[in-house]
């Protein structure tokens, strides 16, 4: 990673770690209270309903990262993050207010779509800002999210459900996601190489600009800001820009056609399938 990478992209590392943790908390705060919610609030005393609810959210959670990763490769990481967090926060508010079972299941799937996509986006940001020999370390820390979420999620969700009711789980996630969205808008820079290169190319679209930069643009004044940009551009060239990609939502799934990759993914997928299958059955 060169100096420009470190200066422009440095703030994004901690941000994506927190986003990944948030996405993992989202599912596990609710999953262990799922049976109680269906039984007490919707009069569905059927274990299969718990499986249906878990299945819909897990299907959405499995497909969303591949779809949004392909979108972020063309339109940018930052706009895709913003869309995902809007979907996530809005679905949590809906879940906190819903009084119908079918809507609960639908919103759970939408919630899973919004929060799980951050997994792929975070990995994409790391690929943008880190050289191949550095990515292992970043991805290792990034992988703490899936371990922390299942550990803290049931504790937080159970405590909220027991003390304030199950709807408090979704209000907590809404507030948590909303507050974090503010930090995302203020601090997360665009990192896609086809838009900002190695961080030295200034993005043109407001969707790719940090909100704090937009505020400084009007507060400090256009001339001073342009002078600063000119000094940076002396050490940078647009040759650092990567070729732009066309949006193809199925692009990410093509990797499954590679035999070695498919074999690597098969082993953890079997483990994860067994784990997800056992969770609602134990509760039931």
Protein backbone atom coordinates (compact mmCIF):
# COMPACT_ATOMS: atom_id res chain seq x y z
CA UNK A 1 0.00 0.00 0.00
CA UNK A 2 1.51 3.34 -1.03
CA UNK A 3 1.35 6.65 0.85
CA UNK A 4 -1.75 7.81 -0.96
CA UNK A 5 -3.55 4.59 -0.13
CA UNK A 6 -2.72 4.94 3.56
CA UNK A 7 -3.83 8.58 3.66
CA UNK A 8 -7.11 8.28 1.77
CA UNK A 9 -8.19 4.73 2.57
CA UNK A 10 -6.93 4.35 6.13
CA UNK A 11 -10.18 5.36 7.82
CA UNK A 12 -12.18 2.74 5.93
CA UNK A 13 -10.55 -0.28 7.61
CA UNK A 14 -12.05 0.17 11.08
CA UNK A 15 -15.35 1.22 9.53
CA UNK A 16 -15.84 -2.01 7.60
CA UNK A 17 -14.90 -4.10 10.64
CA UNK A 18 -17.73 -2.44 12.58
CA UNK A 19 -20.16 -2.89 9.67
CA UNK A 20 -19.39 -6.59 9.52
CA UNK A 21 -19.97 -6.94 13.27
CA UNK A 22 -23.29 -5.11 12.91
CA UNK A 23 -24.40 -7.45 10.12
CA UNK A 24 -23.60 -10.51 12.23
CA UNK A 25 -25.37 -9.14 15.30
CA UNK A 26 -28.52 -8.51 13.26
CA UNK A 27 -29.42 -12.13 12.70
CA UNK A 28 -28.32 -13.60 16.01
CA UNK A 29 -30.03 -11.01 18.22
CA UNK A 30 -33.35 -12.22 16.83
CA UNK A 31 -32.80 -15.85 15.87
CA UNK A 32 -32.83 -17.30 19.38
CA UNK A 33 -36.04 -15.42 20.25
CA UNK A 34 -37.74 -16.46 17.01
CA UNK A 35 -39.79 -19.29 18.53
CA UNK A 36 -41.07 -17.15 21.40
CA UNK A 37 -42.11 -14.39 19.01
CA UNK A 38 -44.03 -16.72 16.71
CA UNK A 39 -45.66 -18.52 19.64
CA UNK A 40 -46.63 -15.55 21.82
CA UNK A 41 -47.37 -12.80 19.29
CA UNK A 42 -48.76 -14.62 16.27
CA UNK A 43 -50.28 -17.78 17.81
CA UNK A 44 -48.19 -20.01 15.55
CA UNK A 45 -47.17 -22.78 17.94
CA UNK A 46 -45.58 -24.77 15.12
CA UNK A 47 -41.90 -25.59 14.86
CA UNK A 48 -42.11 -25.56 11.06
CA UNK A 49 -42.94 -21.83 11.19
CA UNK A 50 -39.62 -21.24 12.92
CA UNK A 51 -37.90 -23.14 10.12
CA UNK A 52 -39.78 -21.13 7.49
CA UNK A 53 -38.70 -17.87 9.08
CA UNK A 54 -35.10 -19.00 9.37
CA UNK A 55 -35.06 -20.41 5.83
CA UNK A 56 -36.30 -17.24 4.15
CA UNK A 57 -33.78 -15.04 5.91
CA UNK A 58 -30.92 -17.47 5.27
CA UNK A 59 -31.71 -17.76 1.56
CA UNK A 60 -31.67 -13.96 1.26
CA UNK A 61 -28.52 -13.81 3.38
CA UNK A 62 -26.80 -16.33 1.12
CA UNK A 63 -27.68 -14.68 -2.21
CA UNK A 64 -27.41 -10.99 -1.33
CA UNK A 65 -23.60 -10.76 -0.95
CA UNK A 66 -23.01 -12.11 -4.45
CA UNK A 67 -25.55 -9.77 -6.00
CA UNK A 68 -24.43 -6.61 -4.21
CA UNK A 69 -20.75 -7.42 -4.72
CA UNK A 70 -21.29 -7.34 -8.47
CA UNK A 71 -23.16 -4.05 -8.19
CA UNK A 72 -20.42 -2.48 -6.06
CA UNK A 73 -17.79 -3.48 -8.62
CA UNK A 74 -19.40 -1.13 -11.11
CA UNK A 75 -21.20 1.65 -9.21
CA UNK A 76 -18.81 1.86 -6.24
CA UNK A 77 -18.51 0.59 -2.67
CA UNK A 78 -19.85 3.66 -0.93
CA UNK A 79 -23.20 3.99 -2.80
CA UNK A 80 -23.81 0.27 -2.35
CA UNK A 81 -23.09 0.54 1.38
CA UNK A 82 -25.56 3.43 1.65
CA UNK A 83 -28.28 1.44 -0.11
CA UNK A 84 -27.67 -1.60 2.10
CA UNK A 85 -27.88 0.41 5.31
CA UNK A 86 -31.08 2.17 4.20
CA UNK A 87 -32.63 -1.23 3.49
CA UNK A 88 -31.34 -2.57 6.81
CA UNK A 89 -32.55 0.29 9.02
CA UNK A 90 -35.92 0.59 7.26
CA UNK A 91 -36.61 -3.16 7.55
CA UNK A 92 -35.76 -3.13 11.27
CA UNK A 93 -38.21 -0.29 11.87
CA UNK A 94 -40.84 -2.26 9.97
CA UNK A 95 -40.10 -5.39 12.00
CA UNK A 96 -40.49 -3.46 15.25
CA UNK A 97 -43.94 -2.25 14.18
CA UNK A 98 -45.35 -5.24 12.29
CA UNK A 99 -48.39 -7.10 13.58
CA UNK A 100 -48.77 -9.72 10.84
CA UNK A 101 -46.81 -12.94 10.52
CA UNK A 102 -46.36 -12.88 6.73
CA UNK A 103 -44.96 -9.35 6.92
CA UNK A 104 -42.56 -10.44 9.66
CA UNK A 105 -41.18 -13.14 7.36
CA UNK A 106 -40.93 -10.77 4.39
CA UNK A 107 -39.16 -8.05 6.36
CA UNK A 108 -36.78 -10.60 7.88
CA UNK A 109 -35.72 -11.57 4.36
CA UNK A 110 -35.29 -7.90 3.40
CA UNK A 111 -33.32 -7.26 6.59
CA UNK A 112 -31.03 -10.19 5.80
CA UNK A 113 -30.50 -8.81 2.30
CA UNK A 114 -29.37 -5.44 3.64
CA UNK A 115 -27.07 -6.62 6.42
CA UNK A 116 -25.45 -9.66 4.78
CA UNK A 117 -24.34 -7.70 1.72
CA UNK A 118 -21.86 -5.81 3.90
CA UNK A 119 -19.85 -9.04 4.19
CA UNK A 120 -18.97 -8.97 0.49
CA UNK A 121 -18.60 -5.19 0.41
CA UNK A 122 -16.12 -5.24 3.29
CA UNK A 123 -14.01 -7.86 1.56
CA UNK A 124 -14.14 -5.73 -1.59
CA UNK A 125 -12.89 -2.67 0.29
CA UNK A 126 -9.98 -4.68 1.69
CA UNK A 127 -9.13 -5.87 -1.81
CA UNK A 128 -9.14 -2.21 -2.94
CA UNK A 129 -6.87 -0.83 -0.24
CA UNK A 130 -4.48 -3.70 0.48
CA UNK A 131 -1.85 -5.41 -1.63
CA UNK A 132 -2.09 -9.21 -1.97
CA UNK A 133 0.57 -9.82 0.70
CA UNK A 134 -1.33 -7.58 3.16
CA UNK A 135 -4.85 -8.91 2.61
CA UNK A 136 -4.45 -11.97 4.81
CA UNK A 137 -3.92 -9.86 7.92
CA UNK A 138 -6.83 -7.54 7.16
CA UNK A 139 -9.17 -10.42 6.32
CA UNK A 140 -8.13 -12.21 9.50
CA UNK A 141 -9.30 -9.30 11.64
CA UNK A 142 -12.31 -8.84 9.37
CA UNK A 143 -13.27 -12.45 10.09
CA UNK A 144 -13.76 -11.68 13.78
CA UNK A 145 -17.27 -10.48 12.90
CA UNK A 146 -18.83 -13.92 12.26
CA UNK A 147 -17.43 -15.14 15.59
CA UNK A 148 -18.40 -12.10 17.66
CA UNK A 149 -21.94 -11.89 16.26
CA UNK A 150 -23.09 -15.37 17.37
CA UNK A 151 -21.47 -14.78 20.77
CA UNK A 152 -22.94 -11.37 21.59
CA UNK A 153 -26.15 -11.48 19.55
CA UNK A 154 -28.11 -14.01 21.63
CA UNK A 155 -27.05 -12.31 24.88
CA UNK A 156 -28.12 -8.86 23.74
CA UNK A 157 -31.27 -10.12 22.05
CA UNK A 158 -32.29 -12.25 25.03
CA UNK A 159 -31.72 -9.43 27.51
CA UNK A 160 -33.76 -6.98 25.43
CA UNK A 161 -36.59 -9.45 24.84
CA UNK A 162 -36.84 -10.40 28.51
CA UNK A 163 -36.75 -6.86 29.83
CA UNK A 164 -38.43 -4.74 27.15
CA UNK A 165 -40.13 -7.23 24.83
CA UNK A 166 -39.04 -8.71 21.50
CA UNK A 167 -39.79 -5.53 19.54
CA UNK A 168 -36.98 -3.83 21.48
CA UNK A 169 -34.53 -6.06 19.58
CA UNK A 170 -35.42 -4.39 16.30
CA UNK A 171 -35.51 -0.91 17.79
CA UNK A 172 -32.02 -1.54 19.14
CA UNK A 173 -30.82 -2.69 15.72
CA UNK A 174 -32.52 0.29 14.05
CA UNK A 175 -30.84 2.78 16.36
CA UNK A 176 -27.49 0.98 16.17
CA UNK A 177 -27.67 0.87 12.37
CA UNK A 178 -28.89 4.45 12.10
CA UNK A 179 -26.12 5.87 14.28
CA UNK A 180 -23.54 3.87 12.41
CA UNK A 181 -24.95 5.05 9.08
CA UNK A 182 -24.12 8.61 10.14
CA UNK A 183 -20.47 7.65 10.67
CA UNK A 184 -20.49 5.83 7.34
CA UNK A 185 -21.80 8.88 5.49
CA UNK A 186 -19.30 11.16 7.22
CA UNK A 187 -16.11 9.11 7.11
CA UNK A 188 -16.17 6.18 4.68
CA UNK A 189 -14.36 7.10 1.44
CA UNK A 190 -14.93 5.53 -1.94
CA UNK A 191 -12.27 2.86 -2.53
CA UNK A 192 -13.20 1.28 -5.87
CA UNK A 193 -10.10 1.43 -8.06
CA UNK A 194 -12.04 2.24 -11.23
CA UNK A 195 -13.35 5.43 -9.56
CA UNK A 196 -10.56 6.72 -7.28
CA UNK A 197 -7.52 4.75 -8.46
CA UNK A 198 -5.06 4.41 -5.61
CA UNK A 199 -6.94 7.10 -3.69
CA UNK A 200 -5.37 10.03 -5.48
CA UNK A 201 -8.19 10.61 -7.97
CA UNK A 202 -10.96 12.79 -6.64
CA UNK A 203 -14.44 11.25 -7.21
CA UNK A 204 -16.83 13.42 -9.20
CA UNK A 205 -20.19 12.10 -8.05
CA UNK A 206 -21.52 13.27 -4.70
CA UNK A 207 -22.47 9.65 -3.93
CA UNK A 208 -18.78 8.79 -3.88
CA UNK A 209 -17.72 11.72 -1.70
CA UNK A 210 -17.55 11.62 2.08
CA UNK A 211 -20.06 13.95 3.68
CA UNK A 212 -17.31 15.54 5.74
CA UNK A 213 -15.50 16.49 2.50
CA UNK A 214 -18.66 18.07 1.10
CA UNK A 215 -19.11 20.08 4.31
CA UNK A 216 -15.48 21.24 4.22
CA UNK A 217 -15.91 22.22 0.58
CA UNK A 218 -18.53 24.81 1.55
CA UNK A 219 -16.97 25.77 4.89
CA UNK A 220 -13.35 26.26 3.88
CA UNK A 221 -14.07 27.53 0.42
CA UNK A 222 -13.65 26.18 -3.05
CA UNK A 223 -10.29 27.84 -3.80
CA UNK A 224 -8.45 26.50 -0.75
CA UNK A 225 -9.82 23.02 -1.32
CA UNK A 226 -8.81 23.05 -4.98
CA UNK A 227 -5.28 24.09 -4.00
CA UNK A 228 -5.02 21.14 -1.66
CA UNK A 229 -6.30 18.80 -4.36
CA UNK A 230 -3.78 20.23 -6.85
CA UNK A 231 -0.90 19.47 -4.46
CA UNK A 232 -2.09 15.90 -4.11
CA UNK A 233 -2.56 15.48 -7.86
CA UNK A 234 1.11 16.31 -8.46
CA UNK A 235 1.98 12.90 -7.03
CA UNK A 236 -0.84 11.03 -8.72
CA UNK A 237 -1.99 10.11 -12.18
CA UNK A 238 -5.20 8.87 -13.65
CA UNK A 239 -3.24 5.89 -14.89
CA UNK A 240 -3.93 4.36 -11.46
CA UNK A 241 -7.57 3.97 -12.43
CA UNK A 242 -8.65 0.40 -13.08
CA UNK A 243 -10.89 -0.41 -16.08
CA UNK A 244 -14.57 0.14 -15.39
CA UNK A 245 -16.86 -2.88 -15.26
CA UNK A 246 -20.38 -3.21 -16.54
CA UNK A 247 -23.01 -4.24 -13.99
CA UNK A 248 -23.70 -7.97 -14.13
CA UNK A 249 -25.45 -9.22 -11.00
CA UNK A 250 -24.53 -12.82 -11.81
CA UNK A 251 -20.82 -12.12 -12.23
CA UNK A 252 -19.91 -13.16 -8.68
CA UNK A 253 -21.54 -16.57 -9.04
CA UNK A 254 -19.35 -17.55 -12.00
CA UNK A 255 -16.55 -18.33 -9.58
CA UNK A 256 -18.52 -21.39 -8.50
CA UNK A 257 -17.77 -22.94 -11.90
CA UNK A 258 -14.10 -23.17 -10.96
CA UNK A 259 -13.49 -26.63 -9.54
CA UNK A 260 -10.88 -25.67 -6.95
CA UNK A 261 -12.97 -22.78 -5.61
CA UNK A 262 -16.12 -24.91 -5.52
CA UNK A 263 -14.30 -27.57 -3.50
CA UNK A 264 -12.97 -25.01 -1.03
CA UNK A 265 -16.46 -23.58 -0.53
CA UNK A 266 -18.10 -26.98 -0.20
CA UNK A 267 -16.50 -27.94 3.13
CA UNK A 268 -17.47 -24.83 5.17
CA UNK A 269 -20.89 -24.78 3.50
CA UNK A 270 -21.64 -28.26 4.87
CA UNK A 271 -20.62 -27.20 8.36
CA UNK A 272 -22.65 -24.00 8.18
CA UNK A 273 -25.70 -25.85 6.82
CA UNK A 274 -25.64 -28.27 9.76
CA UNK A 275 -25.25 -25.39 12.22
CA UNK A 276 -28.18 -23.42 10.79
CA UNK A 277 -30.37 -26.54 10.69
CA UNK A 278 -29.64 -27.36 14.32
CA UNK A 279 -30.36 -23.88 15.72
CA UNK A 280 -34.18 -23.80 15.33
CA UNK A 281 -34.53 -27.53 16.07
CA UNK A 282 -32.85 -27.13 19.46
CA UNK A 283 -35.07 -24.17 20.31
CA UNK A 284 -38.15 -26.04 19.20
